[in-house]
C-alpha atoms as a PDB file:
ATOM      1  CA  MET A   1     -21.193  -7.483 -26.638  1.00  0.00           C
ATOM      2  CA  LYS A   2     -23.982  -4.884 -27.331  1.00  0.00           C
ATOM      3  CA  CYS A   3     -27.296  -6.984 -27.755  1.00  0.00           C
ATOM      4  CA  ASP A   4     -30.440  -4.807 -29.174  1.00  0.00           C
ATOM      5  CA  LEU A   5     -32.884  -7.939 -27.790  1.00  0.00           C
ATOM      6  CA  HIS A   6     -36.191  -5.949 -28.948  1.00  0.00           C
ATOM      7  CA  ILE A   7     -36.436  -5.406 -33.234  1.00  0.00           C
ATOM      8  CA  HIS A   8     -39.548  -6.096 -35.356  1.00  0.00           C
ATOM      9  CA  SER A   9     -38.902  -7.298 -39.452  1.00  0.00           C
ATOM     10  CA  ARG A  10     -41.369  -6.711 -42.614  1.00  0.00           C
ATOM     11  CA  HIS A  11     -43.335 -10.022 -40.885  1.00  0.00           C
ATOM     12  CA  SER A  12     -44.781  -7.978 -38.097  1.00  0.00           C
ATOM     13  CA  TYR A  13     -48.013  -6.090 -39.078  1.00  0.00           C
ATOM     14  CA  ASP A  14     -46.750  -3.075 -38.540  1.00  0.00           C
ATOM     15  CA  SER A  15     -43.476  -3.381 -39.854  1.00  0.00           C
ATOM     16  CA  ALA A  16     -41.383  -2.173 -43.307  1.00  0.00           C
ATOM     17  CA  ALA A  17     -37.809  -3.311 -42.337  1.00  0.00           C
ATOM     18  CA  LYS A  18     -36.460  -6.521 -44.383  1.00  0.00           C
ATOM     19  CA  PRO A  19     -34.447  -8.636 -41.963  1.00  0.00           C
ATOM     20  CA  ARG A  20     -30.962  -8.587 -43.819  1.00  0.00           C
ATOM     21  CA  ASP A  21     -31.369  -4.448 -43.876  1.00  0.00           C
ATOM     22  CA  ILE A  22     -31.539  -4.874 -40.068  1.00  0.00           C
ATOM     23  CA  VAL A  23     -28.838  -7.120 -39.638  1.00  0.00           C
ATOM     24  CA  ASP A  24     -26.491  -4.870 -42.061  1.00  0.00           C
ATOM     25  CA  THR A  25     -27.572  -2.080 -40.509  1.00  0.00           C
ATOM     26  CA  ALA A  26     -27.172  -3.944 -36.902  1.00  0.00           C
ATOM     27  CA  ILE A  27     -23.713  -4.737 -37.776  1.00  0.00           C
ATOM     28  CA  ARG A  28     -22.359  -1.377 -38.912  1.00  0.00           C
ATOM     29  CA  ARG A  29     -23.945   0.337 -35.499  1.00  0.00           C
ATOM     30  CA  GLY A  30     -21.877  -2.050 -33.279  1.00  0.00           C
ATOM     31  CA  ILE A  31     -24.267  -4.183 -32.504  1.00  0.00           C
ATOM     32  CA  GLN A  32     -23.264  -7.699 -32.076  1.00  0.00           C
ATOM     33  CA  CYS A  33     -26.571  -9.936 -31.242  1.00  0.00           C
ATOM     34  CA  ILE A  34     -30.074  -8.919 -32.106  1.00  0.00           C
ATOM     35  CA  ALA A  35     -33.362 -11.051 -31.147  1.00  0.00           C
ATOM     36  CA  ILE A  36     -36.205 -10.223 -34.125  1.00  0.00           C
ATOM     37  CA  ALA A  37     -39.320 -10.080 -32.640  1.00  0.00           C
ATOM     38  CA  ASP A  38     -41.895 -10.025 -34.903  1.00  0.00           C
ATOM     39  CA  HIS A  39     -45.482 -10.158 -33.953  1.00  0.00           C
ATOM     40  CA  GLY A  40     -46.896 -13.871 -33.626  1.00  0.00           C
ATOM     41  CA  SER A  41     -44.085 -15.243 -36.352  1.00  0.00           C
ATOM     42  CA  MET A  42     -40.611 -16.308 -36.408  1.00  0.00           C
ATOM     43  CA  ARG A  43     -40.383 -15.738 -40.082  1.00  0.00           C
ATOM     44  CA  GLY A  44     -38.342 -12.950 -39.604  1.00  0.00           C
ATOM     45  CA  SER A  45     -35.589 -13.682 -37.413  1.00  0.00           C
ATOM     46  CA  LEU A  46     -34.976 -17.104 -39.052  1.00  0.00           C
ATOM     47  CA  GLU A  47     -34.475 -15.250 -42.456  1.00  0.00           C
ATOM     48  CA  ALA A  48     -31.568 -12.636 -40.885  1.00  0.00           C
ATOM     49  CA  ARG A  49     -30.392 -15.738 -39.427  1.00  0.00           C
ATOM     50  CA  ALA A  50     -29.806 -17.623 -42.316  1.00  0.00           C
ATOM     51  CA  TYR A  51     -28.385 -14.167 -44.204  1.00  0.00           C
ATOM     52  CA  ALA A  52     -26.082 -13.952 -41.123  1.00  0.00           C
ATOM     53  CA  GLN A  53     -24.117 -16.726 -41.315  1.00  0.00           C
ATOM     54  CA  GLY A  54     -20.259 -16.215 -41.607  1.00  0.00           C
ATOM     55  CA  MET A  55     -21.183 -12.518 -40.415  1.00  0.00           C
ATOM     56  CA  SER A  56     -20.061 -10.874 -37.022  1.00  0.00           C
ATOM     57  CA  ILE A  57     -23.610 -11.162 -35.360  1.00  0.00           C
ATOM     58  CA  LEU A  58     -26.013 -13.682 -33.575  1.00  0.00           C
ATOM     59  CA  VAL A  59     -29.356 -13.563 -34.013  1.00  0.00           C
ATOM     60  CA  ILE A  60     -31.528 -15.224 -31.617  1.00  0.00           C
ATOM     61  CA  PRO A  61     -34.364 -16.805 -32.757  1.00  0.00           C
ATOM     62  CA  SER A  62     -37.501 -15.352 -31.090  1.00  0.00           C
ATOM     63  CA  GLU A  63     -41.541 -13.772 -31.322  1.00  0.00           C
ATOM     64  CA  GLU A  64     -43.217 -11.276 -29.783  1.00  0.00           C
ATOM     65  CA  VAL A  65     -46.082 -13.103 -28.597  1.00  0.00           C
ATOM     66  CA  LYS A  66     -49.787 -11.306 -27.039  1.00  0.00           C
ATOM     67  CA  SER A  67     -50.354 -13.235 -24.190  1.00  0.00           C
ATOM     68  CA  ARG A  68     -53.977 -11.790 -22.111  1.00  0.00           C
ATOM     69  CA  GLN A  69     -52.272  -9.827 -20.105  1.00  0.00           C
ATOM     70  CA  GLY A  70     -49.711  -7.715 -22.575  1.00  0.00           C
ATOM     71  CA  ASP A  71     -46.537  -8.581 -25.046  1.00  0.00           C
ATOM     72  CA  ILE A  72     -44.086 -11.153 -23.824  1.00  0.00           C
ATOM     73  CA  LEU A  73     -41.022 -11.404 -25.429  1.00  0.00           C
ATOM     74  CA  ALA A  74     -40.209 -15.111 -26.287  1.00  0.00           C
ATOM     75  CA  LEU A  75     -36.495 -15.538 -26.972  1.00  0.00           C
ATOM     76  CA  ASN A  76     -34.564 -18.824 -28.222  1.00  0.00           C
ATOM     77  CA  ILE A  77     -37.546 -20.572 -28.846  1.00  0.00           C
ATOM     78  CA  LYS A  78     -37.871 -23.284 -31.328  1.00  0.00           C
ATOM     79  CA  GLU A  79     -41.110 -23.274 -32.868  1.00  0.00           C
ATOM     80  CA  THR A  80     -43.864 -20.156 -32.762  1.00  0.00           C
ATOM     81  CA  ILE A  81     -46.392 -19.779 -29.764  1.00  0.00           C
ATOM     82  CA  PRO A  82     -49.991 -18.607 -30.230  1.00  0.00           C
ATOM     83  CA  ASP A  83     -51.361 -15.565 -29.188  1.00  0.00           C
ATOM     84  CA  LYS A  84     -54.541 -14.516 -26.791  1.00  0.00           C
ATOM     85  CA  LEU A  85     -53.082 -17.085 -24.576  1.00  0.00           C
ATOM     86  CA  PRO A  86     -52.888 -16.111 -20.655  1.00  0.00           C
ATOM     87  CA  ALA A  87     -49.640 -14.714 -19.907  1.00  0.00           C
ATOM     88  CA  CYS A  88     -48.909 -17.652 -17.796  1.00  0.00           C
ATOM     89  CA  GLU A  89     -49.512 -20.302 -20.184  1.00  0.00           C
ATOM     90  CA  THR A  90     -47.532 -18.589 -22.845  1.00  0.00           C
ATOM     91  CA  ILE A  91     -44.549 -18.374 -19.987  1.00  0.00           C
ATOM     92  CA  LYS A  92     -44.908 -22.367 -19.854  1.00  0.00           C
ATOM     93  CA  ARG A  93     -44.706 -22.935 -23.395  1.00  0.00           C
ATOM     94  CA  ILE A  94     -41.540 -20.368 -24.018  1.00  0.00           C
ATOM     95  CA  HIS A  95     -39.922 -22.569 -21.348  1.00  0.00           C
ATOM     96  CA  ASP A  96     -40.752 -25.816 -22.641  1.00  0.00           C
ATOM     97  CA  GLN A  97     -39.117 -25.110 -25.401  1.00  0.00           C
ATOM     98  CA  GLU A  98     -35.536 -23.700 -23.055  1.00  0.00           C
ATOM     99  CA  GLY A  99     -36.556 -20.509 -24.024  1.00  0.00           C
ATOM    100  CA  ILE A 100     -36.502 -17.172 -21.853  1.00  0.00           C
ATOM    101  CA  ALA A 101     -39.500 -15.308 -21.214  1.00  0.00           C
ATOM    102  CA  ILE A 102     -39.217 -11.618 -21.209  1.00  0.00           C
ATOM    103  CA  ILE A 103     -42.446  -8.960 -20.177  1.00  0.00           C
ATOM    104  CA  ALA A 104     -42.378  -6.440 -23.164  1.00  0.00           C
ATOM    105  CA  HIS A 105     -42.304  -2.725 -21.765  1.00  0.00           C
ATOM    106  CA  PRO A 106     -44.756  -2.981 -18.979  1.00  0.00           C
ATOM    107  CA  PHE A 107     -45.362   0.072 -18.409  1.00  0.00           C
ATOM    108  CA  GLY A 108     -45.392   1.513 -21.951  1.00  0.00           C
ATOM    109  CA  SER A 109     -47.491   3.833 -23.720  1.00  0.00           C
ATOM    110  CA  LEU A 110     -51.152   1.871 -25.097  1.00  0.00           C
ATOM    111  CA  CYS A 111     -49.187  -1.537 -24.533  1.00  0.00           C
ATOM    112  CA  GLY A 112     -48.044  -1.621 -20.618  1.00  0.00           C
ATOM    113  CA  PHE A 113     -48.767  -4.977 -19.201  1.00  0.00           C
ATOM    114  CA  GLU A 114     -52.858  -5.573 -17.848  1.00  0.00           C
ATOM    115  CA  GLY A 115     -52.139  -8.579 -14.858  1.00  0.00           C
ATOM    116  CA  ASN A 116     -50.552  -8.506 -12.220  1.00  0.00           C
ATOM    117  CA  LEU A 117     -47.360  -7.973 -13.219  1.00  0.00           C
ATOM    118  CA  GLU A 118     -45.316  -8.532  -9.908  1.00  0.00           C
ATOM    119  CA  LYS A 119     -46.728 -12.572 -10.912  1.00  0.00           C
ATOM    120  CA  ALA A 120     -46.367 -12.365 -14.105  1.00  0.00           C
ATOM    121  CA  ALA A 121     -42.464 -11.452 -13.817  1.00  0.00           C
ATOM    122  CA  GLY A 122     -41.727 -13.856 -10.865  1.00  0.00           C
ATOM    123  CA  GLU A 123     -42.774 -16.535 -14.014  1.00  0.00           C
ATOM    124  CA  ALA A 124     -40.961 -15.111 -16.007  1.00  0.00           C
ATOM    125  CA  ASP A 125     -37.288 -14.436 -16.472  1.00  0.00           C
ATOM    126  CA  GLY A 126     -37.272 -10.862 -16.707  1.00  0.00           C
ATOM    127  CA  VAL A 127     -38.555  -7.963 -17.738  1.00  0.00           C
ATOM    128  CA  GLU A 128     -37.811  -5.209 -21.223  1.00  0.00           C
ATOM    129  CA  VAL A 129     -35.952  -2.150 -18.611  1.00  0.00           C
ATOM    130  CA  LEU A 130     -35.742   0.206 -21.785  1.00  0.00           C
ATOM    131  CA  ASN A 131     -37.577   0.623 -24.700  1.00  0.00           C
ATOM    132  CA  ALA A 132     -36.297   3.034 -26.810  1.00  0.00           C
ATOM    133  CA  SER A 133     -39.818   3.793 -28.904  1.00  0.00           C
ATOM    134  CA  VAL A 134     -42.386   3.654 -25.772  1.00  0.00           C
ATOM    135  CA  PHE A 135     -43.540   7.198 -25.450  1.00  0.00           C
ATOM    136  CA  TRP A 136     -43.193   6.114 -21.459  1.00  0.00           C
ATOM    137  CA  GLY A 137     -42.623   3.753 -18.776  1.00  0.00           C
ATOM    138  CA  ASN A 138     -39.024   3.291 -18.983  1.00  0.00           C
ATOM    139  CA  GLY A 139     -38.783   5.006 -15.627  1.00  0.00           C
ATOM    140  CA  LYS A 140     -41.020   2.557 -13.878  1.00  0.00           C
ATOM    141  CA  ALA A 141     -40.098   0.390 -15.528  1.00  0.00           C
ATOM    142  CA  MET A 142     -36.121   1.300 -14.109  1.00  0.00           C
ATOM    143  CA  ALA A 143     -37.888   1.500 -10.830  1.00  0.00           C
ATOM    144  CA  PHE A 144     -39.971  -2.286 -10.798  1.00  0.00           C
ATOM    145  CA  VAL A 145     -36.345  -4.189 -11.190  1.00  0.00           C
ATOM    146  CA  LYS A 146     -34.783  -1.866  -8.593  1.00  0.00           C
ATOM    147  CA  ARG A 147     -37.449  -2.661  -6.156  1.00  0.00           C
ATOM    148  CA  THR A 148     -38.083  -6.489  -7.489  1.00  0.00           C
ATOM    149  CA  GLY A 149     -34.369  -7.266  -8.162  1.00  0.00           C
ATOM    150  CA  CYS A 150     -35.704  -9.204 -11.253  1.00  0.00           C
ATOM    151  CA  ALA A 151     -33.448  -9.728 -14.672  1.00  0.00           C
ATOM    152  CA  PHE A 152     -33.994  -7.581 -17.260  1.00  0.00           C
ATOM    153  CA  THR A 153     -33.094  -6.632 -20.936  1.00  0.00           C
ATOM    154  CA  VAL A 154     -33.017  -3.797 -23.241  1.00  0.00           C
ATOM    155  CA  GLY A 155     -34.085  -3.418 -26.605  1.00  0.00           C
ATOM    156  CA  SER A 156     -34.957  -0.686 -29.159  1.00  0.00           C
ATOM    157  CA  ASP A 157     -38.758  -2.170 -30.832  1.00  0.00           C
ATOM    158  CA  ALA A 158     -37.069  -0.826 -33.994  1.00  0.00           C
ATOM    159  CA  HIS A 159     -40.448  -1.380 -36.783  1.00  0.00           C
ATOM    160  CA  PHE A 160     -37.882   0.172 -39.687  1.00  0.00           C
ATOM    161  CA  THR A 161     -34.193   0.646 -39.560  1.00  0.00           C
ATOM    162  CA  ASN A 162     -33.675   4.088 -37.657  1.00  0.00           C
ATOM    163  CA  PHE A 163     -34.268   2.775 -34.530  1.00  0.00           C
ATOM    164  CA  ILE A 164     -31.430  -0.163 -34.466  1.00  0.00           C
ATOM    165  CA  GLY A 165     -29.374   0.390 -31.846  1.00  0.00           C
ATOM    166  CA  LYS A 166     -30.307   3.482 -30.129  1.00  0.00           C
ATOM    167  CA  VAL A 167     -30.061   0.766 -27.014  1.00  0.00           C
ATOM    168  CA  TRP A 168     -28.938  -1.969 -25.694  1.00  0.00           C
ATOM    169  CA  LEU A 169     -27.504  -4.538 -23.504  1.00  0.00           C
ATOM    170  CA  ASP A 170     -24.162  -4.768 -22.776  1.00  0.00           C
ATOM    171  CA  LEU A 171     -22.382  -8.653 -21.983  1.00  0.00           C
ATOM    172  CA  PRO A 172     -19.269  -8.187 -19.973  1.00  0.00           C
ATOM    173  CA  PHE A 173     -17.996 -10.603 -22.828  1.00  0.00           C
ATOM    174  CA  GLU A 174     -17.000 -10.872 -26.355  1.00  0.00           C
ATOM    175  CA  TYR A 175     -18.941 -12.160 -29.561  1.00  0.00           C
ATOM    176  CA  THR A 176     -17.070 -15.328 -30.896  1.00  0.00           C
ATOM    177  CA  GLU A 177     -18.370 -17.644 -33.519  1.00  0.00           C
ATOM    178  CA  SER A 178     -18.733 -20.410 -30.907  1.00  0.00           C
ATOM    179  CA  LEU A 179     -21.306 -18.069 -29.472  1.00  0.00           C
ATOM    180  CA  THR A 180     -24.941 -19.212 -29.189  1.00  0.00           C
ATOM    181  CA  PRO A 181     -27.850 -18.120 -28.022  1.00  0.00           C
ATOM    182  CA  ARG A 182     -28.424 -19.765 -24.593  1.00  0.00           C
ATOM    183  CA  LEU A 183     -25.110 -18.146 -24.087  1.00  0.00           C
ATOM    184  CA  VAL A 184     -26.522 -14.892 -23.500  1.00  0.00           C
ATOM    185  CA  THR A 185     -29.986 -16.192 -22.806  1.00  0.00           C
ATOM    186  CA  GLU A 186     -28.024 -17.871 -19.140  1.00  0.00           C
ATOM    187  CA  ALA A 187     -26.200 -14.031 -19.009  1.00  0.00           C
ATOM    188  CA  ILE A 188     -29.271 -12.318 -19.119  1.00  0.00           C
ATOM    189  CA  LYS A 189     -31.090 -14.371 -16.344  1.00  0.00           C
ATOM    190  CA  SER A 190     -27.598 -14.098 -14.078  1.00  0.00           C
ATOM    191  CA  LYS A 191     -28.436 -10.223 -14.258  1.00  0.00           C
ATOM    192  CA  ILE A 192     -24.804  -9.825 -15.569  1.00  0.00           C
ATOM    193  CA  GLY A 193     -25.755  -6.401 -18.379  1.00  0.00           C
ATOM    194  CA  THR A 194     -25.796  -3.034 -18.033  1.00  0.00           C
ATOM    195  CA  ILE A 195     -28.459  -1.144 -19.843  1.00  0.00           C
ATOM    196  CA  CYS A 196     -26.754   1.497 -22.162  1.00  0.00           C
ATOM    197  CA  GLY A 197     -28.141   3.858 -24.739  1.00  0.00           C
ATOM    198  CA  GLU A 198     -31.139   6.600 -24.529  1.00  0.00           C
ATOM    199  CA  GLU A 199     -34.428   6.125 -26.061  1.00  0.00           C
ATOM    200  CA  GLY A 200     -35.497   8.139 -29.508  1.00  0.00           C
ATOM    201  CA  SER A 201     -36.315  11.705 -29.061  1.00  0.00           C
ATOM    202  CA  PHE A 202     -40.492  12.439 -28.785  1.00  0.00           C
ATOM    203  CA  ILE A 203     -40.066  13.498 -32.261  1.00  0.00           C
ATOM    204  CA  GLU A 204     -38.183  10.875 -33.510  1.00  0.00           C
ATOM    205  CA  LYS A 205     -41.000   8.928 -32.358  1.00  0.00           C
ATOM    206  CA  ALA A 206     -43.819  11.013 -32.628  1.00  0.00           C
ATOM    207  CA  ILE A 207     -42.733  10.338 -36.695  1.00  0.00           C
ATOM    208  CA  ASP A 208     -42.131   6.018 -36.075  1.00  0.00           C
ATOM    209  CA  HIS A 209     -45.247   5.305 -34.826  1.00  0.00           C
ATOM    210  CA  PRO A 210     -47.848   6.850 -37.748  1.00  0.00           C
ATOM    211  CA  LEU A 211     -45.040   4.808 -40.266  1.00  0.00           C
ATOM    212  CA  ARG A 212     -46.246   1.561 -38.284  1.00  0.00           C
ATOM    213  CA  ASN A 213     -50.126   2.759 -38.635  1.00  0.00           C
ATOM    214  CA  LEU A 214     -49.086   2.957 -42.526  1.00  0.00           C
ATOM    215  CA  CYS A 215     -47.308  -0.458 -42.338  1.00  0.00           C
ATOM    216  CA  LYS A 216     -51.060  -1.749 -40.772  1.00  0.00           C
ATOM    217  CA  ILE A 217     -53.502  -0.582 -43.467  1.00  0.00           C
ATOM    218  CA  GLY A 218     -50.540  -1.426 -46.149  1.00  0.00           C
ATOM    219  CA  LEU A 219     -50.043   1.644 -47.466  1.00  0.00           C
ATOM    220  CA  LEU A 220     -45.811   1.004 -46.155  1.00  0.00           C
ATOM    221  CA  LYS A 221     -44.335  -2.030 -46.642  1.00  0.00           C
END
C-alpha cells in the first residue's frame, strides 16, 4: 500500500490545493493512504476524510505543528495542537491523543530541525526520511536513520497537486475498507515500510516554492 504522509491543502497559508482534489489526484496516482498535515489546522484532513468516504483511500487526520525547534507532523490526532511549544511538549501532546509524532524534513533547506535532533527523535516516533519538495537534506536524513535506527516516514510535502505521490512509503499489506489509521501508524513504528519514489527536480522545486509565496500574500488561493 502506497502512503504519502505529508500533504498540504488550502487550509495551509502557503497552499492552494482543495482537499477533494488532493484525494482525487492521490487515487489516480495509485496512492491509497494520505496524511493532509496543514500548518496549524486539521480542517484539510477532516474535509478530505469526509469526501473520501466510500473511496479506496485512507485519510489520516493530521496536522503539521511548528514547535520552537522545528516542524513536527502529528499523525492520527483528534484535536489541533498549538504552535510555538517546545518540541518535547508538542510530542507529548501528540502522544496524549494517541497519535504519532514525526520530525518533518529534519535537515531541510530553511526548514530543518534546530534543536537536539537525536533527543527529539528519541522522544518522537520517527523522522521524515524522504521529502519530495526540499532543496536539500534528504541524504542527511537517510544517513541519520541508518545511524540511529529510528523509524521513518515519506511524504511529498505537496502544496499543490502536482507533487502528490512523487514519493511514498510502501507498506507490505493491501488496502481494505477495514484499514484504520492506527494500523498504519503502528506499521510506521514497526519500521516495516519501504522508501519509494523520487523527489522533485530542481526546476520543479524552483517553480513550486515561489507559488507558495504567492499563496502567502493571497494572490493564489
